[in-house]
ModelCIF file with pLDDT and N, C-alpha, C, O atoms, coordinates in Angstrom:
data_MODEL
#
_entry.id   MODEL 
#
_entity.id                         1 
_entity.type                       polymer 
_entity.pdbx_number_of_molecules   1 
#
_entity_poly.entity_id                      1 
_entity_poly.type                           'polypeptide(L)' 
_entity_poly.nstd_linkage                   no 
_entity_poly.nstd_monomer                   no 
_entity_poly.pdbx_seq_one_letter_code       NTFLGKIRATTSGAYIGGIIGYYHSLNKWDDISGNYFSAS 
_entity_poly.pdbx_seq_one_letter_code_can   NTFLGKIRATTSGAYIGGIIGYYHSLNKWDDISGNYFSAS 
_entity_poly.pdbx_strand_id                 A 
#
loop_
_entity_poly_seq.entity_id 
_entity_poly_seq.num 
_entity_poly_seq.mon_id 
_entity_poly_seq.hetero 
1 1  ASN n 
1 2  THR n 
1 3  PHE n 
1 4  LEU n 
1 5  GLY n 
1 6  LYS n 
1 7  ILE n 
1 8  ARG n 
1 9  ALA n 
1 10 THR n 
1 11 THR n 
1 12 SER n 
1 13 GLY n 
1 14 ALA n 
1 15 TYR n 
1 16 ILE n 
1 17 GLY n 
1 18 GLY n 
1 19 ILE n 
1 20 ILE n 
1 21 GLY n 
1 22 TYR n 
1 23 TYR n 
1 24 HIS n 
1 25 SER n 
1 26 LEU n 
1 27 ASN n 
1 28 LYS n 
1 29 TRP n 
1 30 ASP n 
1 31 ASP n 
1 32 ILE n 
1 33 SER n 
1 34 GLY n 
1 35 ASN n 
1 36 TYR n 
1 37 PHE n 
1 38 SER n 
1 39 ALA n 
1 40 SER n 
#
_struct_asym.id          A 
_struct_asym.entity_id   1 
#
loop_
_ma_qa_metric.id 
_ma_qa_metric.mode 
_ma_qa_metric.name 
_ma_qa_metric.software_group_id 
_ma_qa_metric.type 
1 global pLDDT . pLDDT 
2 local  pLDDT . pLDDT 
#
_ma_qa_metric_global.metric_id      1 
_ma_qa_metric_global.metric_value   92.62 
_ma_qa_metric_global.model_id       1 
_ma_qa_metric_global.ordinal_id     1 
#
loop_
_ma_qa_metric_local.label_asym_id 
_ma_qa_metric_local.label_comp_id 
_ma_qa_metric_local.label_seq_id 
_ma_qa_metric_local.metric_id 
_ma_qa_metric_local.metric_value 
_ma_qa_metric_local.model_id 
_ma_qa_metric_local.ordinal_id 
A ASN 1  2 98.00 1 1  
A THR 2  2 98.00 1 2  
A PHE 3  2 98.00 1 3  
A LEU 4  2 98.00 1 4  
A GLY 5  2 97.00 1 5  
A LYS 6  2 96.00 1 6  
A ILE 7  2 96.00 1 7  
A ARG 8  2 95.00 1 8  
A ALA 9  2 95.00 1 9  
A THR 10 2 94.00 1 10 
A THR 11 2 89.00 1 11 
A SER 12 2 82.00 1 12 
A GLY 13 2 73.00 1 13 
A ALA 14 2 84.00 1 14 
A TYR 15 2 96.00 1 15 
A ILE 16 2 96.00 1 16 
A GLY 17 2 96.00 1 17 
A GLY 18 2 96.00 1 18 
A ILE 19 2 98.00 1 19 
A ILE 20 2 97.00 1 20 
A GLY 21 2 97.00 1 21 
A TYR 22 2 96.00 1 22 
A TYR 23 2 94.00 1 23 
A HIS 24 2 91.00 1 24 
A SER 25 2 89.00 1 25 
A LEU 26 2 88.00 1 26 
A ASN 27 2 86.00 1 27 
A LYS 28 2 89.00 1 28 
A TRP 29 2 90.00 1 29 
A ASP 30 2 92.00 1 30 
A ASP 31 2 95.00 1 31 
A ILE 32 2 96.00 1 32 
A SER 33 2 97.00 1 33 
A GLY 34 2 98.00 1 34 
A ASN 35 2 98.00 1 35 
A TYR 36 2 97.00 1 36 
A PHE 37 2 96.00 1 37 
A SER 38 2 92.00 1 38 
A ALA 39 2 79.00 1 39 
A SER 40 2 73.00 1 40 
#
loop_
_atom_site.group_PDB 
_atom_site.id 
_atom_site.type_symbol 
_atom_site.label_atom_id 
_atom_site.label_alt_id 
_atom_site.label_comp_id 
_atom_site.label_asym_id 
_atom_site.label_entity_id 
_atom_site.label_seq_id 
_atom_site.pdbx_PDB_ins_code 
_atom_site.Cartn_x 
_atom_site.Cartn_y 
_atom_site.Cartn_z 
_atom_site.occupancy 
_atom_site.B_iso_or_equiv 
_atom_site.pdbx_formal_charge 
_atom_site.auth_seq_id 
_atom_site.auth_comp_id 
_atom_site.auth_asym_id 
_atom_site.auth_atom_id 
_atom_site.pdbx_PDB_model_num 
ATOM 1   N N  . ASN A 1 1  ? 81.831  -3.678  -55.105 1.00 98.00 ? 1  ASN A N  1 
ATOM 2   C CA . ASN A 1 1  ? 82.051  -4.679  -56.151 1.00 98.00 ? 1  ASN A CA 1 
ATOM 3   C C  . ASN A 1 1  ? 81.268  -5.935  -55.794 1.00 98.00 ? 1  ASN A C  1 
ATOM 4   O O  . ASN A 1 1  ? 81.062  -6.240  -54.619 1.00 98.00 ? 1  ASN A O  1 
ATOM 5   N N  . THR A 1 2  ? 80.832  -6.662  -56.826 1.00 98.00 ? 2  THR A N  1 
ATOM 6   C CA . THR A 1 2  ? 80.029  -7.863  -56.623 1.00 98.00 ? 2  THR A CA 1 
ATOM 7   C C  . THR A 1 2  ? 80.605  -9.020  -57.412 1.00 98.00 ? 2  THR A C  1 
ATOM 8   O O  . THR A 1 2  ? 80.922  -8.882  -58.594 1.00 98.00 ? 2  THR A O  1 
ATOM 9   N N  . PHE A 1 3  ? 80.742  -10.173 -56.747 1.00 98.00 ? 3  PHE A N  1 
ATOM 10  C CA . PHE A 1 3  ? 81.186  -11.401 -57.417 1.00 98.00 ? 3  PHE A CA 1 
ATOM 11  C C  . PHE A 1 3  ? 80.108  -12.465 -57.268 1.00 98.00 ? 3  PHE A C  1 
ATOM 12  O O  . PHE A 1 3  ? 79.763  -12.855 -56.153 1.00 98.00 ? 3  PHE A O  1 
ATOM 13  N N  . LEU A 1 4  ? 79.573  -12.937 -58.401 1.00 98.00 ? 4  LEU A N  1 
ATOM 14  C CA . LEU A 1 4  ? 78.523  -13.946 -58.412 1.00 98.00 ? 4  LEU A CA 1 
ATOM 15  C C  . LEU A 1 4  ? 78.933  -15.185 -59.197 1.00 98.00 ? 4  LEU A C  1 
ATOM 16  O O  . LEU A 1 4  ? 78.095  -16.043 -59.477 1.00 98.00 ? 4  LEU A O  1 
ATOM 17  N N  . GLY A 1 5  ? 80.198  -15.291 -59.553 1.00 97.00 ? 5  GLY A N  1 
ATOM 18  C CA . GLY A 1 5  ? 80.681  -16.417 -60.351 1.00 97.00 ? 5  GLY A CA 1 
ATOM 19  C C  . GLY A 1 5  ? 81.196  -17.559 -59.500 1.00 97.00 ? 5  GLY A C  1 
ATOM 20  O O  . GLY A 1 5  ? 80.791  -17.729 -58.350 1.00 97.00 ? 5  GLY A O  1 
ATOM 21  N N  . LYS A 1 6  ? 82.085  -18.329 -60.073 1.00 96.00 ? 6  LYS A N  1 
ATOM 22  C CA . LYS A 1 6  ? 82.707  -19.472 -59.397 1.00 96.00 ? 6  LYS A CA 1 
ATOM 23  C C  . LYS A 1 6  ? 84.224  -19.298 -59.419 1.00 96.00 ? 6  LYS A C  1 
ATOM 24  O O  . LYS A 1 6  ? 84.792  -18.817 -60.399 1.00 96.00 ? 6  LYS A O  1 
ATOM 25  N N  . ILE A 1 7  ? 84.881  -19.707 -58.299 1.00 96.00 ? 7  ILE A N  1 
ATOM 26  C CA . ILE A 1 7  ? 86.336  -19.668 -58.197 1.00 96.00 ? 7  ILE A CA 1 
ATOM 27  C C  . ILE A 1 7  ? 86.826  -21.092 -58.007 1.00 96.00 ? 7  ILE A C  1 
ATOM 28  O O  . ILE A 1 7  ? 86.220  -21.885 -57.285 1.00 96.00 ? 7  ILE A O  1 
ATOM 29  N N  . ARG A 1 8  ? 87.942  -21.406 -58.672 1.00 95.00 ? 8  ARG A N  1 
ATOM 30  C CA . ARG A 1 8  ? 88.522  -22.737 -58.514 1.00 95.00 ? 8  ARG A CA 1 
ATOM 31  C C  . ARG A 1 8  ? 90.037  -22.622 -58.467 1.00 95.00 ? 8  ARG A C  1 
ATOM 32  O O  . ARG A 1 8  ? 90.650  -21.974 -59.316 1.00 95.00 ? 8  ARG A O  1 
ATOM 33  N N  . ALA A 1 9  ? 90.635  -23.261 -57.462 1.00 95.00 ? 9  ALA A N  1 
ATOM 34  C CA . ALA A 1 9  ? 92.089  -23.328 -57.355 1.00 95.00 ? 9  ALA A CA 1 
ATOM 35  C C  . ALA A 1 9  ? 92.554  -24.681 -57.866 1.00 95.00 ? 9  ALA A C  1 
ATOM 36  O O  . ALA A 1 9  ? 91.933  -25.708 -57.591 1.00 95.00 ? 9  ALA A O  1 
ATOM 37  N N  . THR A 1 10 ? 93.646  -24.673 -58.606 1.00 94.00 ? 10 THR A N  1 
ATOM 38  C CA . THR A 1 10 ? 94.186  -25.921 -59.145 1.00 94.00 ? 10 THR A CA 1 
ATOM 39  C C  . THR A 1 10 ? 95.163  -26.581 -58.183 1.00 94.00 ? 10 THR A C  1 
ATOM 40  O O  . THR A 1 10 ? 95.641  -27.683 -58.450 1.00 94.00 ? 10 THR A O  1 
ATOM 41  N N  . THR A 1 11 ? 95.469  -25.917 -57.054 1.00 89.00 ? 11 THR A N  1 
ATOM 42  C CA . THR A 1 11 ? 96.344  -26.488 -56.026 1.00 89.00 ? 11 THR A CA 1 
ATOM 43  C C  . THR A 1 11 ? 95.653  -26.370 -54.673 1.00 89.00 ? 11 THR A C  1 
ATOM 44  O O  . THR A 1 11 ? 94.758  -25.543 -54.494 1.00 89.00 ? 11 THR A O  1 
ATOM 45  N N  . SER A 1 12 ? 96.065  -27.186 -53.740 1.00 82.00 ? 12 SER A N  1 
ATOM 46  C CA . SER A 1 12 ? 95.493  -27.075 -52.396 1.00 82.00 ? 12 SER A CA 1 
ATOM 47  C C  . SER A 1 12 ? 96.273  -26.030 -51.600 1.00 82.00 ? 12 SER A C  1 
ATOM 48  O O  . SER A 1 12 ? 97.448  -25.779 -51.865 1.00 82.00 ? 12 SER A O  1 
ATOM 49  N N  . GLY A 1 13 ? 95.609  -25.437 -50.638 1.00 73.00 ? 13 GLY A N  1 
ATOM 50  C CA . GLY A 1 13 ? 96.263  -24.457 -49.785 1.00 73.00 ? 13 GLY A CA 1 
ATOM 51  C C  . GLY A 1 13 ? 96.446  -23.101 -50.424 1.00 73.00 ? 13 GLY A C  1 
ATOM 52  O O  . GLY A 1 13 ? 97.188  -22.269 -49.902 1.00 73.00 ? 13 GLY A O  1 
ATOM 53  N N  . ALA A 1 14 ? 95.795  -22.862 -51.527 1.00 84.00 ? 14 ALA A N  1 
ATOM 54  C CA . ALA A 1 14 ? 95.928  -21.593 -52.237 1.00 84.00 ? 14 ALA A CA 1 
ATOM 55  C C  . ALA A 1 14 ? 95.178  -20.483 -51.502 1.00 84.00 ? 14 ALA A C  1 
ATOM 56  O O  . ALA A 1 14 ? 94.224  -20.747 -50.770 1.00 84.00 ? 14 ALA A O  1 
ATOM 57  N N  . TYR A 1 15 ? 95.616  -19.245 -51.704 1.00 96.00 ? 15 TYR A N  1 
ATOM 58  C CA . TYR A 1 15 ? 94.896  -18.083 -51.202 1.00 96.00 ? 15 TYR A CA 1 
ATOM 59  C C  . TYR A 1 15 ? 93.748  -17.816 -52.164 1.00 96.00 ? 15 TYR A C  1 
ATOM 60  O O  . TYR A 1 15 ? 93.959  -17.528 -53.342 1.00 96.00 ? 15 TYR A O  1 
ATOM 61  N N  . ILE A 1 16 ? 92.535  -17.916 -51.646 1.00 96.00 ? 16 ILE A N  1 
ATOM 62  C CA . ILE A 1 16 ? 91.342  -17.720 -52.467 1.00 96.00 ? 16 ILE A CA 1 
ATOM 63  C C  . ILE A 1 16 ? 90.397  -16.794 -51.720 1.00 96.00 ? 16 ILE A C  1 
ATOM 64  O O  . ILE A 1 16 ? 90.192  -16.955 -50.517 1.00 96.00 ? 16 ILE A O  1 
ATOM 65  N N  . GLY A 1 17 ? 89.821  -15.824 -52.423 1.00 96.00 ? 17 GLY A N  1 
ATOM 66  C CA . GLY A 1 17 ? 88.852  -14.933 -51.792 1.00 96.00 ? 17 GLY A CA 1 
ATOM 67  C C  . GLY A 1 17 ? 87.720  -14.587 -52.728 1.00 96.00 ? 17 GLY A C  1 
ATOM 68  O O  . GLY A 1 17 ? 87.920  -14.421 -53.932 1.00 96.00 ? 17 GLY A O  1 
ATOM 69  N N  . GLY A 1 18 ? 86.532  -14.478 -52.170 1.00 96.00 ? 18 GLY A N  1 
ATOM 70  C CA . GLY A 1 18 ? 85.378  -14.083 -52.970 1.00 96.00 ? 18 GLY A CA 1 
ATOM 71  C C  . GLY A 1 18 ? 85.547  -12.695 -53.575 1.00 96.00 ? 18 GLY A C  1 
ATOM 72  O O  . GLY A 1 18 ? 85.003  -12.413 -54.642 1.00 96.00 ? 18 GLY A O  1 
ATOM 73  N N  . ILE A 1 19 ? 86.295  -11.829 -52.901 1.00 98.00 ? 19 ILE A N  1 
ATOM 74  C CA . ILE A 1 19 ? 86.569  -10.484 -53.406 1.00 98.00 ? 19 ILE A CA 1 
ATOM 75  C C  . ILE A 1 19 ? 88.051  -10.329 -53.733 1.00 98.00 ? 19 ILE A C  1 
ATOM 76  O O  . ILE A 1 19 ? 88.399  -10.071 -54.885 1.00 98.00 ? 19 ILE A O  1 
ATOM 77  N N  . ILE A 1 20 ? 88.931  -10.482 -52.739 1.00 97.00 ? 20 ILE A N  1 
ATOM 78  C CA . ILE A 1 20 ? 90.383  -10.359 -52.910 1.00 97.00 ? 20 ILE A CA 1 
ATOM 79  C C  . ILE A 1 20 ? 91.024  -11.676 -52.492 1.00 97.00 ? 20 ILE A C  1 
ATOM 80  O O  . ILE A 1 20 ? 90.747  -12.184 -51.405 1.00 97.00 ? 20 ILE A O  1 
ATOM 81  N N  . GLY A 1 21 ? 91.871  -12.225 -53.339 1.00 97.00 ? 21 GLY A N  1 
ATOM 82  C CA . GLY A 1 21 ? 92.539  -13.473 -53.005 1.00 97.00 ? 21 GLY A CA 1 
ATOM 83  C C  . GLY A 1 21 ? 93.648  -13.303 -51.989 1.00 97.00 ? 21 GLY A C  1 
ATOM 84  O O  . GLY A 1 21 ? 93.764  -14.112 -51.069 1.00 97.00 ? 21 GLY A O  1 
ATOM 85  N N  . TYR A 1 22 ? 94.473  -12.265 -52.132 1.00 96.00 ? 22 TYR A N  1 
ATOM 86  C CA . TYR A 1 22 ? 95.621  -12.099 -51.240 1.00 96.00 ? 22 TYR A CA 1 
ATOM 87  C C  . TYR A 1 22 ? 96.074  -10.639 -51.228 1.00 96.00 ? 22 TYR A C  1 
ATOM 88  O O  . TYR A 1 22 ? 96.180  -10.000 -52.275 1.00 96.00 ? 22 TYR A O  1 
ATOM 89  N N  . TYR A 1 23 ? 96.339  -10.121 -50.021 1.00 94.00 ? 23 TYR A N  1 
ATOM 90  C CA . TYR A 1 23 ? 96.998  -8.828  -49.836 1.00 94.00 ? 23 TYR A CA 1 
ATOM 91  C C  . TYR A 1 23 ? 98.219  -9.072  -48.953 1.00 94.00 ? 23 TYR A C  1 
ATOM 92  O O  . TYR A 1 23 ? 98.119  -9.749  -47.930 1.00 94.00 ? 23 TYR A O  1 
ATOM 93  N N  . HIS A 1 24 ? 99.363  -8.528  -49.340 1.00 91.00 ? 24 HIS A N  1 
ATOM 94  C CA . HIS A 1 24 ? 100.590 -8.661  -48.550 1.00 91.00 ? 24 HIS A CA 1 
ATOM 95  C C  . HIS A 1 24 ? 100.424 -8.029  -47.173 1.00 91.00 ? 24 HIS A C  1 
ATOM 96  O O  . HIS A 1 24 ? 100.958 -8.535  -46.186 1.00 91.00 ? 24 HIS A O  1 
ATOM 97  N N  . SER A 1 25 ? 99.682  -6.920  -47.104 1.00 89.00 ? 25 SER A N  1 
ATOM 98  C CA . SER A 1 25 ? 99.421  -6.263  -45.825 1.00 89.00 ? 25 SER A CA 1 
ATOM 99  C C  . SER A 1 25 ? 98.227  -5.336  -45.971 1.00 89.00 ? 25 SER A C  1 
ATOM 100 O O  . SER A 1 25 ? 97.790  -5.030  -47.080 1.00 89.00 ? 25 SER A O  1 
ATOM 101 N N  . LEU A 1 26 ? 97.711  -4.897  -44.844 1.00 88.00 ? 26 LEU A N  1 
ATOM 102 C CA . LEU A 1 26 ? 96.652  -3.883  -44.796 1.00 88.00 ? 26 LEU A CA 1 
ATOM 103 C C  . LEU A 1 26 ? 97.120  -2.771  -43.869 1.00 88.00 ? 26 LEU A C  1 
ATOM 104 O O  . LEU A 1 26 ? 97.848  -3.017  -42.907 1.00 88.00 ? 26 LEU A O  1 
ATOM 105 N N  . ASN A 1 27 ? 96.695  -1.536  -44.168 1.00 86.00 ? 27 ASN A N  1 
ATOM 106 C CA . ASN A 1 27 ? 97.017  -0.439  -43.260 1.00 86.00 ? 27 ASN A CA 1 
ATOM 107 C C  . ASN A 1 27 ? 95.945  0.641   -43.326 1.00 86.00 ? 27 ASN A C  1 
ATOM 108 O O  . ASN A 1 27 ? 94.887  0.421   -43.915 1.00 86.00 ? 27 ASN A O  1 
ATOM 109 N N  . LYS A 1 28 ? 96.199  1.800   -42.735 1.00 89.00 ? 28 LYS A N  1 
ATOM 110 C CA . LYS A 1 28 ? 95.178  2.839   -42.606 1.00 89.00 ? 28 LYS A CA 1 
ATOM 111 C C  . LYS A 1 28 ? 94.693  3.393   -43.945 1.00 89.00 ? 28 LYS A C  1 
ATOM 112 O O  . LYS A 1 28 ? 93.608  3.972   -43.996 1.00 89.00 ? 28 LYS A O  1 
ATOM 113 N N  . TRP A 1 29 ? 95.447  3.240   -45.020 1.00 90.00 ? 29 TRP A N  1 
ATOM 114 C CA . TRP A 1 29 ? 95.038  3.786   -46.305 1.00 90.00 ? 29 TRP A CA 1 
ATOM 115 C C  . TRP A 1 29 ? 94.111  2.855   -47.086 1.00 90.00 ? 29 TRP A C  1 
ATOM 116 O O  . TRP A 1 29 ? 93.505  3.272   -48.073 1.00 90.00 ? 29 TRP A O  1 
ATOM 117 N N  . ASP A 1 30 ? 93.999  1.608   -46.655 1.00 92.00 ? 30 ASP A N  1 
ATOM 118 C CA . ASP A 1 30 ? 93.115  0.669   -47.335 1.00 92.00 ? 30 ASP A CA 1 
ATOM 119 C C  . ASP A 1 30 ? 91.664  1.030   -47.035 1.00 92.00 ? 30 ASP A C  1 
ATOM 120 O O  . ASP A 1 30 ? 91.240  1.008   -45.879 1.00 92.00 ? 30 ASP A O  1 
ATOM 121 N N  . ASP A 1 31 ? 90.913  1.359   -48.065 1.00 95.00 ? 31 ASP A N  1 
ATOM 122 C CA . ASP A 1 31 ? 89.505  1.745   -47.938 1.00 95.00 ? 31 ASP A CA 1 
ATOM 123 C C  . ASP A 1 31 ? 88.677  0.728   -48.720 1.00 95.00 ? 31 ASP A C  1 
ATOM 124 O O  . ASP A 1 31 ? 88.342  0.943   -49.885 1.00 95.00 ? 31 ASP A O  1 
ATOM 125 N N  . ILE A 1 32 ? 88.356  -0.376  -48.061 1.00 96.00 ? 32 ILE A N  1 
ATOM 126 C CA . ILE A 1 32 ? 87.668  -1.499  -48.692 1.00 96.00 ? 32 ILE A CA 1 
ATOM 127 C C  . ILE A 1 32 ? 86.296  -1.623  -48.030 1.00 96.00 ? 32 ILE A C  1 
ATOM 128 O O  . ILE A 1 32 ? 86.207  -1.891  -46.832 1.00 96.00 ? 32 ILE A O  1 
ATOM 129 N N  . SER A 1 33 ? 85.221  -1.428  -48.809 1.00 97.00 ? 33 SER A N  1 
ATOM 130 C CA . SER A 1 33 ? 83.888  -1.520  -48.191 1.00 97.00 ? 33 SER A CA 1 
ATOM 131 C C  . SER A 1 33 ? 82.814  -1.776  -49.242 1.00 97.00 ? 33 SER A C  1 
ATOM 132 O O  . SER A 1 33 ? 83.001  -1.506  -50.428 1.00 97.00 ? 33 SER A O  1 
ATOM 133 N N  . GLY A 1 34 ? 81.688  -2.301  -48.778 1.00 98.00 ? 34 GLY A N  1 
ATOM 134 C CA . GLY A 1 34 ? 80.512  -2.487  -49.623 1.00 98.00 ? 34 GLY A CA 1 
ATOM 135 C C  . GLY A 1 34 ? 80.659  -3.547  -50.694 1.00 98.00 ? 34 GLY A C  1 
ATOM 136 O O  . GLY A 1 34 ? 79.924  -3.527  -51.681 1.00 98.00 ? 34 GLY A O  1 
ATOM 137 N N  . ASN A 1 35 ? 81.586  -4.467  -50.528 1.00 98.00 ? 35 ASN A N  1 
ATOM 138 C CA . ASN A 1 35 ? 81.786  -5.522  -51.519 1.00 98.00 ? 35 ASN A CA 1 
ATOM 139 C C  . ASN A 1 35 ? 80.961  -6.739  -51.140 1.00 98.00 ? 35 ASN A C  1 
ATOM 140 O O  . ASN A 1 35 ? 80.700  -6.979  -49.961 1.00 98.00 ? 35 ASN A O  1 
ATOM 141 N N  . TYR A 1 36 ? 80.548  -7.512  -52.150 1.00 97.00 ? 36 TYR A N  1 
ATOM 142 C CA . TYR A 1 36 ? 79.644  -8.629  -51.928 1.00 97.00 ? 36 TYR A CA 1 
ATOM 143 C C  . TYR A 1 36 ? 80.055  -9.805  -52.803 1.00 97.00 ? 36 TYR A C  1 
ATOM 144 O O  . TYR A 1 36 ? 80.449  -9.633  -53.957 1.00 97.00 ? 36 TYR A O  1 
ATOM 145 N N  . PHE A 1 37 ? 79.956  -11.014 -52.227 1.00 96.00 ? 37 PHE A N  1 
ATOM 146 C CA . PHE A 1 37 ? 80.129  -12.217 -53.051 1.00 96.00 ? 37 PHE A CA 1 
ATOM 147 C C  . PHE A 1 37 ? 79.100  -13.241 -52.626 1.00 96.00 ? 37 PHE A C  1 
ATOM 148 O O  . PHE A 1 37 ? 78.681  -13.275 -51.469 1.00 96.00 ? 37 PHE A O  1 
ATOM 149 N N  . SER A 1 38 ? 78.699  -14.070 -53.560 1.00 92.00 ? 38 SER A N  1 
ATOM 150 C CA . SER A 1 38 ? 77.739  -15.114 -53.306 1.00 92.00 ? 38 SER A CA 1 
ATOM 151 C C  . SER A 1 38 ? 78.437  -16.309 -52.692 1.00 92.00 ? 38 SER A C  1 
ATOM 152 O O  . SER A 1 38 ? 79.490  -16.717 -53.180 1.00 92.00 ? 38 SER A O  1 
ATOM 153 N N  . ALA A 1 39 ? 77.884  -16.880 -51.637 1.00 79.00 ? 39 ALA A N  1 
ATOM 154 C CA . ALA A 1 39 ? 78.484  -18.023 -50.959 1.00 79.00 ? 39 ALA A CA 1 
ATOM 155 C C  . ALA A 1 39 ? 78.506  -19.262 -51.843 1.00 79.00 ? 39 ALA A C  1 
ATOM 156 O O  . ALA A 1 39 ? 79.316  -20.162 -51.620 1.00 79.00 ? 39 ALA A O  1 
ATOM 157 N N  . SER A 1 40 ? 77.640  -19.324 -52.830 1.00 73.00 ? 40 SER A N  1 
ATOM 158 C CA . SER A 1 40 ? 77.621  -20.507 -53.691 1.00 73.00 ? 40 SER A CA 1 
ATOM 159 C C  . SER A 1 40 ? 78.681  -20.422 -54.768 1.00 73.00 ? 40 SER A C  1 
ATOM 160 O O  . SER A 1 40 ? 78.807  -21.335 -55.583 1.00 73.00 ? 40 SER A O  1 
#
């Protein structure tokens, strides 16, 4: 997956991610790879 847009939080301290903002947990079944986001 590719993200080339802009993200904005309306509060401070928010969970923000170029690909995923928040996951409660990760484990062996999570298969997350090849994702890209622009730093700008």
